[in-house]
Amino acid sequence: MSEAPVFPIRNPCPPGACQCDRDRLLDDPHADKRILQLTKEEEKRLLARIEAVSTYHDLKRIVHRMDQLLGLDVRIEPGPNEVRSARGFQIQLTERPGLCRKTRQAIPAAIRRCLESHPELAYAILDERGLFGAG
């Protein structure tokens, strides 16, 4: 087994509950282990921070920081049909070893709650894509 990371890492999921490949990630000495820094406590803090976002700039910044610090690629895009609410957006995290199933569901859900509580964020995402002529 490779040497242990120098930062606290997420506890393993119960057997059969998740297919995050945490052990395979730990065994690979060349793998990007940043995602393992997202402990359950840190995940709760991240979700609370996402839900507290109130400006489009802050949302973009937190998505960028998740990529920088954890290697998470988060995409927020309008869905193929009309966007009438936050449910009309496709919010996806790129699959990667070490990313827990619950986390893959929790982060998009937190972003969706943020969009529901701040509709101006949804308008800014749509405007970035050229809906209101700014693209």
C-alpha atoms as a PDB file:
ATOM      1  CA  MET A   1       0.000   0.000   0.000  1.00  0.00           C
ATOM      2  CA  SER A   2       1.185   3.524  -0.684  1.00  0.00           C
ATOM      3  CA  GLU A   3       2.039   5.962   2.042  1.00  0.00           C
ATOM      4  CA  ALA A   4      -0.915   7.571   3.785  1.00  0.00           C
ATOM      5  CA  PRO A   5      -1.919  11.146   2.878  1.00  0.00           C
ATOM      6  CA  VAL A   6      -0.764  13.825   5.324  1.00  0.00           C
ATOM      7  CA  PHE A   7      -4.266  15.334   5.590  1.00  0.00           C
ATOM      8  CA  PRO A   8      -7.344  13.884   7.318  1.00  0.00           C
ATOM      9  CA  ILE A   9      -9.318  11.755   4.876  1.00  0.00           C
ATOM     10  CA  ARG A  10     -12.924  10.693   4.576  1.00  0.00           C
ATOM     11  CA  ASN A  11     -13.897   7.505   6.373  1.00  0.00           C
ATOM     12  CA  PRO A  12     -14.770   4.594   4.101  1.00  0.00           C
ATOM     13  CA  CYS A  13     -18.372   4.050   3.089  1.00  0.00           C
ATOM     14  CA  PRO A  14     -20.107   0.922   4.423  1.00  0.00           C
ATOM     15  CA  PRO A  15     -19.448  -2.106   2.195  1.00  0.00           C
ATOM     16  CA  GLY A  16     -21.936  -2.307  -0.672  1.00  0.00           C
ATOM     17  CA  ALA A  17     -23.378   1.161   0.006  1.00  0.00           C
ATOM     18  CA  CYS A  18     -21.153   3.037  -2.429  1.00  0.00           C
ATOM     19  CA  GLN A  19     -18.891   2.478  -5.414  1.00  0.00           C
ATOM     20  CA  CYS A  20     -16.511   5.352  -4.827  1.00  0.00           C
ATOM     21  CA  ASP A  21     -13.337   3.249  -5.317  1.00  0.00           C
ATOM     22  CA  ARG A  22     -11.764   4.876  -2.292  1.00  0.00           C
ATOM     23  CA  ASP A  23      -9.429   1.928  -1.662  1.00  0.00           C
ATOM     24  CA  ARG A  24      -8.261   1.849  -5.282  1.00  0.00           C
ATOM     25  CA  LEU A  25      -7.570   5.576  -5.049  1.00  0.00           C
ATOM     26  CA  LEU A  26      -5.544   5.119  -1.861  1.00  0.00           C
ATOM     27  CA  ASP A  27      -3.550   2.252  -3.414  1.00  0.00           C
ATOM     28  CA  ASP A  28      -2.534   4.244  -6.492  1.00  0.00           C
ATOM     29  CA  PRO A  29       0.550   6.348  -5.642  1.00  0.00           C
ATOM     30  CA  HIS A  30       0.002   8.625  -8.677  1.00  0.00           C
ATOM     31  CA  ALA A  31      -3.722   9.263  -8.175  1.00  0.00           C
ATOM     32  CA  ASP A  32      -5.181  12.658  -7.341  1.00  0.00           C
ATOM     33  CA  LYS A  33      -6.250  12.174  -3.712  1.00  0.00           C
ATOM     34  CA  ARG A  34      -7.598  15.697  -3.137  1.00  0.00           C
ATOM     35  CA  ILE A  35     -11.203  14.467  -3.087  1.00  0.00           C
ATOM     36  CA  LEU A  36     -10.441  12.435   0.051  1.00  0.00           C
ATOM     37  CA  GLN A  37      -9.960  15.711   1.949  1.00  0.00           C
ATOM     38  CA  LEU A  38     -13.721  16.159   1.815  1.00  0.00           C
ATOM     39  CA  THR A  39     -14.572  14.539   5.140  1.00  0.00           C
ATOM     40  CA  LYS A  40     -18.193  14.335   6.245  1.00  0.00           C
ATOM     41  CA  GLU A  41     -17.729  17.424   8.420  1.00  0.00           C
ATOM     42  CA  GLU A  42     -16.101  19.345   5.578  1.00  0.00           C
ATOM     43  CA  GLU A  43     -18.872  18.211   3.234  1.00  0.00           C
ATOM     44  CA  LYS A  44     -21.494  19.644   5.605  1.00  0.00           C
ATOM     45  CA  ARG A  45     -19.615  22.950   5.693  1.00  0.00           C
ATOM     46  CA  LEU A  46     -19.317  22.975   1.895  1.00  0.00           C
ATOM     47  CA  LEU A  47     -23.025  22.282   1.411  1.00  0.00           C
ATOM     48  CA  ALA A  48     -23.956  25.050   3.868  1.00  0.00           C
ATOM     49  CA  ARG A  49     -21.636  27.428   2.054  1.00  0.00           C
ATOM     50  CA  ILE A  50     -23.115  26.542  -1.340  1.00  0.00           C
ATOM     51  CA  GLU A  51     -26.644  27.113  -0.063  1.00  0.00           C
ATOM     52  CA  ALA A  52     -25.610  30.490   1.390  1.00  0.00           C
ATOM     53  CA  VAL A  53     -24.332  31.794  -1.954  1.00  0.00           C
ATOM     54  CA  SER A  54     -26.271  34.872  -3.027  1.00  0.00           C
ATOM     55  CA  THR A  55     -24.426  36.204  -6.085  1.00  0.00           C
ATOM     56  CA  TYR A  56     -23.451  34.652  -9.394  1.00  0.00           C
ATOM     57  CA  HIS A  57     -19.844  35.703  -8.836  1.00  0.00           C
ATOM     58  CA  ASP A  58     -19.797  33.802  -5.523  1.00  0.00           C
ATOM     59  CA  LEU A  59     -21.332  30.718  -7.153  1.00  0.00           C
ATOM     60  CA  LYS A  60     -18.694  30.729  -9.883  1.00  0.00           C
ATOM     61  CA  ARG A  61     -15.977  31.246  -7.285  1.00  0.00           C
ATOM     62  CA  ILE A  62     -17.103  28.327  -5.121  1.00  0.00           C
ATOM     63  CA  VAL A  63     -17.360  26.050  -8.177  1.00  0.00           C
ATOM     64  CA  HIS A  64     -13.845  27.125  -9.168  1.00  0.00           C
ATOM     65  CA  ARG A  65     -12.549  26.484  -5.616  1.00  0.00           C
ATOM     66  CA  MET A  66     -14.096  22.997  -5.591  1.00  0.00           C
ATOM     67  CA  ASP A  67     -12.130  22.286  -8.756  1.00  0.00           C
ATOM     68  CA  GLN A  68      -8.921  23.757  -7.341  1.00  0.00           C
ATOM     69  CA  LEU A  69      -9.034  22.201  -3.888  1.00  0.00           C
ATOM     70  CA  LEU A  70     -10.862  18.919  -4.469  1.00  0.00           C
ATOM     71  CA  GLY A  71     -10.570  18.280  -8.189  1.00  0.00           C
ATOM     72  CA  LEU A  72     -14.361  18.372  -8.586  1.00  0.00           C
ATOM     73  CA  ASP A  73     -15.603  19.373 -12.021  1.00  0.00           C
ATOM     74  CA  VAL A  74     -19.078  20.853 -11.508  1.00  0.00           C
ATOM     75  CA  ARG A  75     -21.142  21.893 -14.526  1.00  0.00           C
ATOM     76  CA  ILE A  76     -24.308  23.975 -14.234  1.00  0.00           C
ATOM     77  CA  GLU A  77     -26.080  24.275 -17.555  1.00  0.00           C
ATOM     78  CA  PRO A  78     -29.605  24.932 -18.776  1.00  0.00           C
ATOM     79  CA  GLY A  79     -31.410  21.710 -19.610  1.00  0.00           C
ATOM     80  CA  PRO A  80     -32.419  20.769 -23.152  1.00  0.00           C
ATOM     81  CA  ASN A  81     -35.997  21.949 -22.554  1.00  0.00           C
ATOM     82  CA  GLU A  82     -37.316  25.205 -21.156  1.00  0.00           C
ATOM     83  CA  VAL A  83     -35.896  26.398 -17.873  1.00  0.00           C
ATOM     84  CA  ARG A  84     -38.881  27.394 -15.768  1.00  0.00           C
ATOM     85  CA  SER A  85     -37.312  26.754 -12.382  1.00  0.00           C
ATOM     86  CA  ALA A  86     -34.107  25.498 -10.778  1.00  0.00           C
ATOM     87  CA  ARG A  87     -35.189  21.985 -11.792  1.00  0.00           C
ATOM     88  CA  GLY A  88     -34.610  22.934 -15.438  1.00  0.00           C
ATOM     89  CA  PHE A  89     -30.841  23.113 -14.949  1.00  0.00           C
ATOM     90  CA  GLN A  90     -28.520  20.180 -15.407  1.00  0.00           C
ATOM     91  CA  ILE A  91     -26.076  20.128 -12.516  1.00  0.00           C
ATOM     92  CA  GLN A  92     -23.440  17.454 -12.922  1.00  0.00           C
ATOM     93  CA  LEU A  93     -20.274  16.354 -11.197  1.00  0.00           C
ATOM     94  CA  THR A  94     -17.788  14.455 -13.306  1.00  0.00           C
ATOM     95  CA  GLU A  95     -17.354  10.883 -12.111  1.00  0.00           C
ATOM     96  CA  ARG A  96     -14.034  10.233 -10.427  1.00  0.00           C
ATOM     97  CA  PRO A  97     -12.577   7.725  -7.975  1.00  0.00           C
ATOM     98  CA  GLY A  98     -13.073   8.708  -4.344  1.00  0.00           C
ATOM     99  CA  LEU A  99     -16.254  10.701  -4.955  1.00  0.00           C
ATOM    100  CA  CYS A 100     -18.914   9.196  -2.717  1.00  0.00           C
ATOM    101  CA  ARG A 101     -22.377   8.509  -4.134  1.00  0.00           C
ATOM    102  CA  LYS A 102     -24.010  10.658  -1.449  1.00  0.00           C
ATOM    103  CA  THR A 103     -21.674  13.546  -2.226  1.00  0.00           C
ATOM    104  CA  ARG A 104     -22.458  13.213  -5.965  1.00  0.00           C
ATOM    105  CA  GLN A 105     -26.109  13.738  -5.028  1.00  0.00           C
ATOM    106  CA  ALA A 106     -25.677  16.288  -2.212  1.00  0.00           C
ATOM    107  CA  ILE A 107     -23.658  18.935  -4.072  1.00  0.00           C
ATOM    108  CA  PRO A 108     -26.081  19.302  -7.020  1.00  0.00           C
ATOM    109  CA  ALA A 109     -29.002  19.314  -4.559  1.00  0.00           C
ATOM    110  CA  ALA A 110     -27.367  22.155  -2.579  1.00  0.00           C
ATOM    111  CA  ILE A 111     -26.754  24.127  -5.781  1.00  0.00           C
ATOM    112  CA  ARG A 112     -30.374  23.573  -6.815  1.00  0.00           C
ATOM    113  CA  ARG A 113     -31.618  24.832  -3.412  1.00  0.00           C
ATOM    114  CA  CYS A 114     -29.370  27.865  -3.826  1.00  0.00           C
ATOM    115  CA  LEU A 115     -30.866  28.555  -7.275  1.00  0.00           C
ATOM    116  CA  GLU A 116     -34.387  28.156  -5.897  1.00  0.00           C
ATOM    117  CA  SER A 117     -33.787  30.631  -3.090  1.00  0.00           C
ATOM    118  CA  HIS A 118     -32.000  33.131  -5.379  1.00  0.00           C
ATOM    119  CA  PRO A 119     -33.724  33.192  -8.793  1.00  0.00           C
ATOM    120  CA  GLU A 120     -31.375  35.947  -9.951  1.00  0.00           C
ATOM    121  CA  LEU A 121     -28.608  33.318 -10.048  1.00  0.00           C
ATOM    122  CA  ALA A 122     -30.644  31.264 -12.509  1.00  0.00           C
ATOM    123  CA  TYR A 123     -31.141  34.366 -14.661  1.00  0.00           C
ATOM    124  CA  ALA A 124     -27.390  35.059 -14.561  1.00  0.00           C
ATOM    125  CA  ILE A 125     -26.615  31.501 -15.720  1.00  0.00           C
ATOM    126  CA  LEU A 126     -29.113  31.851 -18.556  1.00  0.00           C
ATOM    127  CA  ASP A 127     -27.762  35.305 -19.419  1.00  0.00           C
ATOM    128  CA  GLU A 128     -24.220  33.916 -19.594  1.00  0.00           C
ATOM    129  CA  ARG A 129     -25.479  31.558 -22.297  1.00  0.00           C
ATOM    130  CA  GLY A 130     -26.865  34.532 -24.246  1.00  0.00           C
ATOM    131  CA  LEU A 131     -30.555  34.319 -23.360  1.00  0.00           C
ATOM    132  CA  PHE A 132     -30.861  38.022 -22.573  1.00  0.00           C
ATOM    133  CA  GLY A 133     -28.421  39.237 -25.214  1.00  0.00           C
ATOM    134  CA  ALA A 134     -25.349  39.533 -23.014  1.00  0.00           C
ATOM    135  CA  GLY A 135     -23.616  36.418 -24.502  1.00  0.00           C
END
